[in-house]
């Protein structure tokens, strides 16, 4: 097995500390101040640490448990391609569609959601400077029982 490169190591720390644990105070440790993040699920582009912190805060807000896992990472030069998954538990059953909300009291597993995506992350000075993420927001809407 090939040891992880510096970008992969940084990215795993970022996912564990910032996304999964929610410690936004650690963003500067992993992310360059001039970061640009593009996602298909949160609009066009997010530029800078404050905007990235807002994006992460908004993504985590509906959940009382949020765990992101890097399933696979391939690093070449300054770029890391990752395939990742998220498993999260809804904070409020009211976010479920009508049919599922009626069952949520009896079937608490309905509050757990899972989704996946892929990211291409570029590093500068040992920190994340650009990221392009693709995921399928309709997957979450389907699990919530709401129109996507």
N, C-alpha and C. Protein backbone atom coordinates (compact mmCIF):
# COMPACT_ATOMS: atom_id res chain seq x y z
N UNK A 1 0.84 -1.18 0.00
CA UNK A 1 0.00 0.00 0.00
C UNK A 1 0.89 1.24 0.00
N UNK A 2 0.57 2.19 -0.84
CA UNK A 2 1.34 3.43 -0.93
C UNK A 2 0.94 4.37 0.20
N UNK A 3 1.92 4.97 0.89
CA UNK A 3 1.56 5.91 1.95
C UNK A 3 0.86 7.13 1.37
N UNK A 4 -0.01 7.73 2.18
CA UNK A 4 -0.75 8.92 1.74
C UNK A 4 0.22 10.08 1.55
N UNK A 5 -0.02 10.87 0.50
CA UNK A 5 0.78 12.06 0.26
C UNK A 5 0.33 13.19 1.18
N UNK A 6 1.03 14.32 1.13
CA UNK A 6 0.70 15.43 2.03
C UNK A 6 -0.70 16.00 1.80
N UNK A 7 -1.16 16.05 0.56
CA UNK A 7 -2.50 16.55 0.29
C UNK A 7 -3.57 15.65 0.87
N UNK A 8 -3.41 14.34 0.68
CA UNK A 8 -4.37 13.38 1.21
C UNK A 8 -4.40 13.44 2.73
N UNK A 9 -3.24 13.56 3.36
CA UNK A 9 -3.16 13.65 4.82
C UNK A 9 -3.89 14.90 5.31
N UNK A 10 -3.65 16.04 4.65
CA UNK A 10 -4.33 17.29 4.99
C UNK A 10 -5.84 17.14 4.82
N UNK A 11 -6.25 16.56 3.71
CA UNK A 11 -7.67 16.42 3.42
C UNK A 11 -8.37 15.51 4.42
N UNK A 12 -7.72 14.43 4.80
CA UNK A 12 -8.32 13.54 5.82
C UNK A 12 -8.48 14.27 7.15
N UNK A 13 -7.49 15.08 7.52
CA UNK A 13 -7.60 15.88 8.75
C UNK A 13 -8.73 16.89 8.66
N UNK A 14 -8.85 17.54 7.52
CA UNK A 14 -9.92 18.52 7.29
C UNK A 14 -11.29 17.86 7.41
N UNK A 15 -11.48 16.72 6.78
CA UNK A 15 -12.76 16.01 6.83
C UNK A 15 -13.07 15.57 8.26
N UNK A 16 -12.10 15.02 8.94
CA UNK A 16 -12.31 14.53 10.31
C UNK A 16 -12.59 15.68 11.28
N UNK A 17 -11.79 16.75 11.20
CA UNK A 17 -11.85 17.82 12.18
C UNK A 17 -12.95 18.84 11.89
N UNK A 18 -13.05 19.26 10.63
CA UNK A 18 -13.98 20.34 10.28
C UNK A 18 -15.35 19.80 9.90
N UNK A 19 -15.41 18.89 8.93
CA UNK A 19 -16.71 18.39 8.49
C UNK A 19 -17.35 17.47 9.54
N UNK A 20 -16.63 16.45 9.99
CA UNK A 20 -17.26 15.49 10.90
C UNK A 20 -17.41 16.03 12.32
N UNK A 21 -16.37 16.64 12.87
CA UNK A 21 -16.43 17.15 14.25
C UNK A 21 -17.04 18.55 14.31
N UNK A 22 -17.10 19.26 13.19
CA UNK A 22 -17.71 20.58 13.17
C UNK A 22 -16.87 21.69 13.79
N UNK A 23 -15.56 21.48 13.90
CA UNK A 23 -14.69 22.48 14.52
C UNK A 23 -14.22 23.50 13.47
N UNK A 24 -15.03 24.51 13.24
CA UNK A 24 -14.73 25.52 12.22
C UNK A 24 -13.54 26.39 12.60
N UNK A 25 -13.17 26.41 13.86
CA UNK A 25 -11.99 27.19 14.27
C UNK A 25 -10.71 26.64 13.66
N UNK A 26 -10.75 25.40 13.18
CA UNK A 26 -9.57 24.76 12.59
C UNK A 26 -9.46 24.97 11.09
N UNK A 27 -10.41 25.68 10.48
CA UNK A 27 -10.35 25.91 9.04
C UNK A 27 -8.99 26.46 8.58
N UNK A 28 -8.42 27.50 9.24
CA UNK A 28 -7.14 28.04 8.76
C UNK A 28 -5.99 27.03 8.79
N UNK A 29 -6.10 26.03 9.61
CA UNK A 29 -5.07 24.98 9.68
C UNK A 29 -5.02 24.17 8.39
N UNK A 30 -6.18 23.98 7.77
CA UNK A 30 -6.30 23.10 6.59
C UNK A 30 -6.55 23.84 5.28
N UNK A 31 -7.06 25.06 5.36
CA UNK A 31 -7.56 25.75 4.18
C UNK A 31 -6.84 27.08 3.98
N UNK A 32 -6.40 27.32 2.76
CA UNK A 32 -5.72 28.56 2.37
C UNK A 32 -6.72 29.72 2.44
N UNK A 33 -6.29 30.92 2.85
CA UNK A 33 -7.21 32.07 2.93
C UNK A 33 -7.89 32.42 1.61
N UNK A 34 -7.25 32.12 0.48
CA UNK A 34 -7.81 32.44 -0.84
C UNK A 34 -8.59 31.28 -1.45
N UNK A 35 -9.10 30.39 -0.64
CA UNK A 35 -9.79 29.20 -1.13
C UNK A 35 -10.98 29.57 -2.02
N UNK A 36 -11.18 28.75 -3.06
CA UNK A 36 -12.35 28.84 -3.93
C UNK A 36 -12.94 27.43 -3.99
N UNK A 37 -14.22 27.32 -3.60
CA UNK A 37 -14.90 26.04 -3.61
C UNK A 37 -16.09 26.14 -4.55
N UNK A 38 -16.21 25.18 -5.46
CA UNK A 38 -17.34 25.11 -6.39
C UNK A 38 -18.07 23.81 -6.13
N UNK A 39 -19.39 23.91 -5.99
CA UNK A 39 -20.21 22.71 -5.80
C UNK A 39 -21.42 22.79 -6.70
N UNK A 40 -21.93 21.64 -7.07
CA UNK A 40 -23.15 21.63 -7.86
C UNK A 40 -24.38 21.73 -6.96
N UNK A 41 -24.24 21.53 -5.66
CA UNK A 41 -25.40 21.52 -4.77
C UNK A 41 -25.58 22.79 -3.95
N UNK A 42 -24.59 23.66 -3.89
CA UNK A 42 -24.69 24.89 -3.10
C UNK A 42 -24.44 26.14 -3.94
N UNK A 43 -24.81 26.11 -5.19
CA UNK A 43 -24.62 27.28 -6.04
C UNK A 43 -23.29 27.26 -6.75
N UNK A 44 -22.92 28.40 -7.27
CA UNK A 44 -21.75 28.48 -8.14
C UNK A 44 -20.43 28.31 -7.40
N UNK A 45 -20.01 29.37 -6.68
CA UNK A 45 -18.69 29.37 -6.07
C UNK A 45 -18.74 30.01 -4.69
N UNK A 46 -17.86 29.54 -3.84
CA UNK A 46 -17.67 30.11 -2.51
C UNK A 46 -16.21 30.51 -2.44
N UNK A 47 -15.94 31.77 -2.07
CA UNK A 47 -14.57 32.28 -2.04
C UNK A 47 -14.22 32.77 -0.64
N UNK A 48 -13.10 32.28 -0.11
CA UNK A 48 -12.59 32.75 1.17
C UNK A 48 -13.05 31.90 2.34
N UNK A 49 -12.30 31.99 3.45
CA UNK A 49 -12.59 31.20 4.65
C UNK A 49 -13.96 31.51 5.25
N UNK A 50 -14.37 32.79 5.41
CA UNK A 50 -15.68 33.05 6.01
C UNK A 50 -16.84 32.43 5.21
N UNK A 51 -16.77 32.52 3.89
CA UNK A 51 -17.82 31.95 3.05
C UNK A 51 -17.82 30.43 3.13
N UNK A 52 -16.64 29.81 3.20
CA UNK A 52 -16.56 28.36 3.34
C UNK A 52 -17.11 27.94 4.70
N UNK A 53 -16.80 28.69 5.75
CA UNK A 53 -17.34 28.38 7.08
C UNK A 53 -18.86 28.43 7.05
N UNK A 54 -19.44 29.42 6.37
CA UNK A 54 -20.90 29.52 6.26
C UNK A 54 -21.47 28.32 5.52
N UNK A 55 -20.83 27.91 4.42
CA UNK A 55 -21.30 26.76 3.66
C UNK A 55 -21.31 25.50 4.53
N UNK A 56 -20.23 25.28 5.27
CA UNK A 56 -20.14 24.09 6.13
C UNK A 56 -21.19 24.17 7.24
N UNK A 57 -21.34 25.33 7.84
CA UNK A 57 -22.33 25.53 8.91
C UNK A 57 -23.74 25.22 8.39
N UNK A 58 -24.07 25.73 7.20
CA UNK A 58 -25.39 25.49 6.61
C UNK A 58 -25.60 24.02 6.27
N UNK A 59 -24.57 23.37 5.74
CA UNK A 59 -24.69 21.96 5.37
C UNK A 59 -24.90 21.08 6.60
N UNK A 60 -24.26 21.43 7.72
CA UNK A 60 -24.36 20.62 8.94
C UNK A 60 -25.58 20.95 9.80
N UNK A 61 -26.18 22.14 9.60
CA UNK A 61 -27.23 22.65 10.49
C UNK A 61 -28.43 21.71 10.70
N UNK A 62 -28.93 21.02 9.68
CA UNK A 62 -30.11 20.18 9.91
C UNK A 62 -29.82 18.89 10.69
N UNK A 63 -28.56 18.64 11.01
CA UNK A 63 -28.18 17.35 11.57
C UNK A 63 -27.59 17.49 12.97
N UNK A 64 -27.89 16.52 13.85
CA UNK A 64 -27.23 16.49 15.15
C UNK A 64 -26.06 15.51 15.18
N UNK A 65 -25.92 14.75 14.12
CA UNK A 65 -24.75 13.88 13.93
C UNK A 65 -24.39 13.96 12.45
N UNK A 66 -23.11 14.16 12.16
CA UNK A 66 -22.67 14.31 10.76
C UNK A 66 -21.29 13.68 10.66
N UNK A 67 -21.20 12.64 9.86
CA UNK A 67 -19.91 11.96 9.71
C UNK A 67 -19.58 11.80 8.24
N UNK A 68 -18.51 12.47 7.82
CA UNK A 68 -18.02 12.34 6.45
C UNK A 68 -16.82 11.39 6.47
N UNK A 69 -16.76 10.52 5.48
CA UNK A 69 -15.68 9.56 5.38
C UNK A 69 -15.10 9.59 3.97
N UNK A 70 -13.80 9.68 3.87
CA UNK A 70 -13.14 9.55 2.57
C UNK A 70 -13.01 8.06 2.28
N UNK A 71 -13.66 7.62 1.23
CA UNK A 71 -13.67 6.20 0.85
C UNK A 71 -12.44 5.87 0.02
N UNK A 72 -12.07 6.81 -0.84
CA UNK A 72 -10.95 6.57 -1.74
C UNK A 72 -10.29 7.91 -2.06
N UNK A 73 -8.97 7.92 -2.12
CA UNK A 73 -8.23 9.14 -2.46
C UNK A 73 -7.08 8.79 -3.40
N UNK A 74 -6.93 9.60 -4.44
CA UNK A 74 -5.83 9.45 -5.38
C UNK A 74 -5.15 10.81 -5.49
N UNK A 75 -3.86 10.83 -5.22
CA UNK A 75 -3.12 12.09 -5.22
C UNK A 75 -2.07 12.10 -6.33
N UNK A 76 -2.04 13.20 -7.05
CA UNK A 76 -1.00 13.39 -8.06
C UNK A 76 -0.63 14.87 -8.07
N UNK A 77 0.66 15.12 -7.89
CA UNK A 77 1.18 16.48 -7.83
C UNK A 77 0.48 17.24 -6.70
N UNK A 78 -0.24 18.29 -7.01
CA UNK A 78 -0.90 19.10 -5.98
C UNK A 78 -2.41 18.84 -5.91
N UNK A 79 -2.89 17.79 -6.58
CA UNK A 79 -4.33 17.53 -6.65
C UNK A 79 -4.66 16.18 -6.04
N UNK A 80 -5.76 16.16 -5.25
CA UNK A 80 -6.26 14.91 -4.68
C UNK A 80 -7.70 14.73 -5.16
N UNK A 81 -7.97 13.58 -5.77
CA UNK A 81 -9.33 13.21 -6.15
C UNK A 81 -9.86 12.28 -5.07
N UNK A 82 -11.03 12.59 -4.54
CA UNK A 82 -11.60 11.75 -3.49
C UNK A 82 -13.02 11.36 -3.83
N UNK A 83 -13.37 10.19 -3.36
CA UNK A 83 -14.75 9.72 -3.33
C UNK A 83 -15.09 9.64 -1.86
N UNK A 84 -16.22 10.24 -1.46
CA UNK A 84 -16.55 10.33 -0.04
C UNK A 84 -18.02 9.99 0.20
N UNK A 85 -18.32 9.68 1.45
CA UNK A 85 -19.70 9.44 1.86
C UNK A 85 -19.99 10.26 3.11
N UNK A 86 -21.27 10.54 3.31
CA UNK A 86 -21.74 11.20 4.54
C UNK A 86 -22.88 10.37 5.10
N UNK A 87 -22.84 10.18 6.40
CA UNK A 87 -23.95 9.57 7.14
C UNK A 87 -24.33 10.60 8.20
N UNK A 88 -25.60 11.00 8.21
CA UNK A 88 -26.03 12.07 9.10
C UNK A 88 -27.42 11.78 9.64
N UNK A 89 -27.68 12.29 10.87
CA UNK A 89 -29.00 12.11 11.50
C UNK A 89 -29.70 13.47 11.61
N UNK A 90 -30.91 13.53 11.09
CA UNK A 90 -31.69 14.77 11.15
C UNK A 90 -31.95 15.19 12.58
N UNK A 91 -31.83 16.47 12.82
CA UNK A 91 -32.10 17.06 14.13
C UNK A 91 -33.61 17.14 14.39
N UNK A 92 -34.40 17.40 13.34
CA UNK A 92 -35.83 17.68 13.49
C UNK A 92 -36.64 16.84 12.50
N UNK A 93 -37.50 15.93 13.01
CA UNK A 93 -38.32 15.12 12.11
C UNK A 93 -39.27 15.96 11.24
N UNK A 94 -39.51 17.21 11.60
CA UNK A 94 -40.37 18.07 10.80
C UNK A 94 -39.79 18.31 9.41
N UNK A 95 -38.49 18.05 9.22
CA UNK A 95 -37.87 18.21 7.91
C UNK A 95 -38.23 17.08 6.95
N UNK A 96 -38.81 16.01 7.48
CA UNK A 96 -39.23 14.90 6.63
C UNK A 96 -40.52 15.26 5.90
N UNK A 97 -40.74 14.61 4.76
CA UNK A 97 -42.01 14.77 4.06
C UNK A 97 -43.14 14.21 4.90
N UNK A 98 -44.37 14.59 4.56
CA UNK A 98 -45.54 14.22 5.37
C UNK A 98 -45.64 12.73 5.66
N UNK A 99 -45.49 11.90 4.64
CA UNK A 99 -45.63 10.46 4.82
C UNK A 99 -44.59 9.88 5.76
N UNK A 100 -43.35 10.31 5.61
CA UNK A 100 -42.28 9.80 6.47
C UNK A 100 -42.35 10.38 7.88
N UNK A 101 -42.78 11.64 8.00
CA UNK A 101 -42.88 12.28 9.32
C UNK A 101 -43.81 11.48 10.23
N UNK A 102 -44.91 10.96 9.67
CA UNK A 102 -45.87 10.18 10.45
C UNK A 102 -45.24 8.90 11.00
N UNK A 103 -44.25 8.38 10.32
CA UNK A 103 -43.60 7.13 10.75
C UNK A 103 -42.38 7.36 11.63
N UNK A 104 -41.85 8.57 11.65
CA UNK A 104 -40.57 8.84 12.31
C UNK A 104 -40.58 8.52 13.80
N UNK A 105 -41.71 8.67 14.48
CA UNK A 105 -41.77 8.35 15.90
C UNK A 105 -41.54 6.87 16.17
N UNK A 106 -42.02 6.03 15.27
CA UNK A 106 -41.87 4.59 15.43
C UNK A 106 -40.60 4.05 14.80
N UNK A 107 -40.18 4.64 13.71
CA UNK A 107 -39.01 4.17 12.96
C UNK A 107 -37.92 5.24 12.99
N UNK A 108 -37.20 5.30 14.08
CA UNK A 108 -36.20 6.36 14.26
C UNK A 108 -35.08 6.29 13.22
N UNK A 109 -34.90 5.13 12.58
CA UNK A 109 -33.89 5.03 11.53
C UNK A 109 -34.20 5.94 10.34
N UNK A 110 -35.45 6.40 10.22
CA UNK A 110 -35.81 7.31 9.14
C UNK A 110 -35.07 8.64 9.26
N UNK A 111 -34.57 8.95 10.45
CA UNK A 111 -33.86 10.22 10.65
C UNK A 111 -32.43 10.16 10.12
N UNK A 112 -31.94 8.97 9.79
CA UNK A 112 -30.58 8.82 9.27
C UNK A 112 -30.58 8.92 7.76
N UNK A 113 -29.67 9.72 7.23
CA UNK A 113 -29.54 9.90 5.79
C UNK A 113 -28.12 9.54 5.36
N UNK A 114 -27.98 9.16 4.13
CA UNK A 114 -26.65 8.90 3.58
C UNK A 114 -26.56 9.45 2.18
N UNK A 115 -25.41 9.99 1.83
CA UNK A 115 -25.19 10.45 0.47
C UNK A 115 -23.70 10.41 0.18
N UNK A 116 -23.37 10.57 -1.08
CA UNK A 116 -21.98 10.43 -1.51
C UNK A 116 -21.65 11.47 -2.55
N UNK A 117 -20.37 11.64 -2.78
CA UNK A 117 -19.93 12.58 -3.80
C UNK A 117 -18.47 12.36 -4.14
N UNK A 118 -17.98 13.26 -4.98
CA UNK A 118 -16.59 13.20 -5.41
C UNK A 118 -16.05 14.61 -5.44
N UNK A 119 -14.80 14.77 -5.02
CA UNK A 119 -14.17 16.10 -5.00
C UNK A 119 -12.79 16.03 -5.64
N UNK A 120 -12.42 17.13 -6.26
CA UNK A 120 -11.06 17.34 -6.77
C UNK A 120 -10.51 18.54 -6.03
N UNK A 121 -9.47 18.32 -5.26
CA UNK A 121 -8.94 19.34 -4.35
C UNK A 121 -7.50 19.67 -4.72
N UNK A 122 -7.21 20.97 -4.85
CA UNK A 122 -5.88 21.45 -5.18
C UNK A 122 -5.28 22.11 -3.95
N UNK A 123 -3.98 21.90 -3.75
CA UNK A 123 -3.28 22.40 -2.57
C UNK A 123 -2.23 23.43 -2.95
N UNK A 124 -2.07 24.42 -2.07
CA UNK A 124 -1.02 25.43 -2.21
C UNK A 124 -0.47 25.68 -0.81
N UNK A 125 0.83 25.65 -0.66
CA UNK A 125 1.47 25.86 0.64
C UNK A 125 0.93 24.89 1.70
N UNK A 126 0.61 23.67 1.27
CA UNK A 126 0.17 22.63 2.20
C UNK A 126 -1.27 22.73 2.65
N UNK A 127 -2.05 23.64 2.04
CA UNK A 127 -3.46 23.80 2.43
C UNK A 127 -4.36 23.80 1.20
N UNK A 128 -5.63 23.53 1.42
CA UNK A 128 -6.62 23.49 0.35
C UNK A 128 -6.80 24.89 -0.22
N UNK A 129 -6.63 25.03 -1.54
CA UNK A 129 -6.82 26.33 -2.17
C UNK A 129 -7.97 26.32 -3.19
N UNK A 130 -8.28 25.15 -3.75
CA UNK A 130 -9.41 25.01 -4.68
C UNK A 130 -10.04 23.64 -4.49
N UNK A 131 -11.37 23.63 -4.62
CA UNK A 131 -12.06 22.35 -4.58
C UNK A 131 -13.29 22.41 -5.47
N UNK A 132 -13.47 21.35 -6.22
CA UNK A 132 -14.67 21.18 -7.05
C UNK A 132 -15.34 19.90 -6.58
N UNK A 133 -16.59 20.03 -6.14
CA UNK A 133 -17.32 18.89 -5.58
C UNK A 133 -18.58 18.62 -6.38
N UNK A 134 -18.82 17.36 -6.63
CA UNK A 134 -20.03 16.90 -7.30
C UNK A 134 -20.74 15.91 -6.39
N UNK A 135 -22.01 16.15 -6.15
CA UNK A 135 -22.84 15.20 -5.41
C UNK A 135 -24.25 15.27 -5.98
N UNK A 136 -25.15 14.45 -5.48
CA UNK A 136 -26.50 14.41 -6.02
C UNK A 136 -27.49 14.84 -4.93
N UNK A 137 -27.88 16.13 -4.90
CA UNK A 137 -28.81 16.60 -3.87
C UNK A 137 -30.17 15.90 -3.93
N UNK A 138 -30.55 15.36 -5.08
CA UNK A 138 -31.82 14.66 -5.18
C UNK A 138 -31.83 13.42 -4.29
N UNK A 139 -30.67 12.84 -4.03
CA UNK A 139 -30.59 11.69 -3.13
C UNK A 139 -31.10 12.04 -1.75
N UNK A 140 -30.70 13.19 -1.24
CA UNK A 140 -31.15 13.64 0.09
C UNK A 140 -32.65 13.93 0.05
N UNK A 141 -33.11 14.64 -0.96
CA UNK A 141 -34.54 14.96 -1.07
C UNK A 141 -35.37 13.69 -1.10
N UNK A 142 -34.91 12.68 -1.81
CA UNK A 142 -35.63 11.41 -1.89
C UNK A 142 -35.70 10.75 -0.52
N UNK A 143 -34.59 10.76 0.24
CA UNK A 143 -34.59 10.16 1.56
C UNK A 143 -35.46 10.93 2.55
N UNK A 144 -35.60 12.24 2.33
CA UNK A 144 -36.49 13.05 3.17
C UNK A 144 -37.95 12.88 2.81
N UNK A 145 -38.21 12.31 1.63
CA UNK A 145 -39.58 12.16 1.17
C UNK A 145 -40.17 13.46 0.68
N UNK A 146 -39.29 14.34 0.15
CA UNK A 146 -39.74 15.64 -0.36
C UNK A 146 -39.37 15.75 -1.82
N UNK A 147 -40.04 16.64 -2.56
CA UNK A 147 -39.66 16.81 -3.97
C UNK A 147 -38.24 17.33 -4.09
N UNK A 148 -37.48 16.82 -5.04
CA UNK A 148 -36.09 17.22 -5.23
C UNK A 148 -36.00 18.36 -6.15
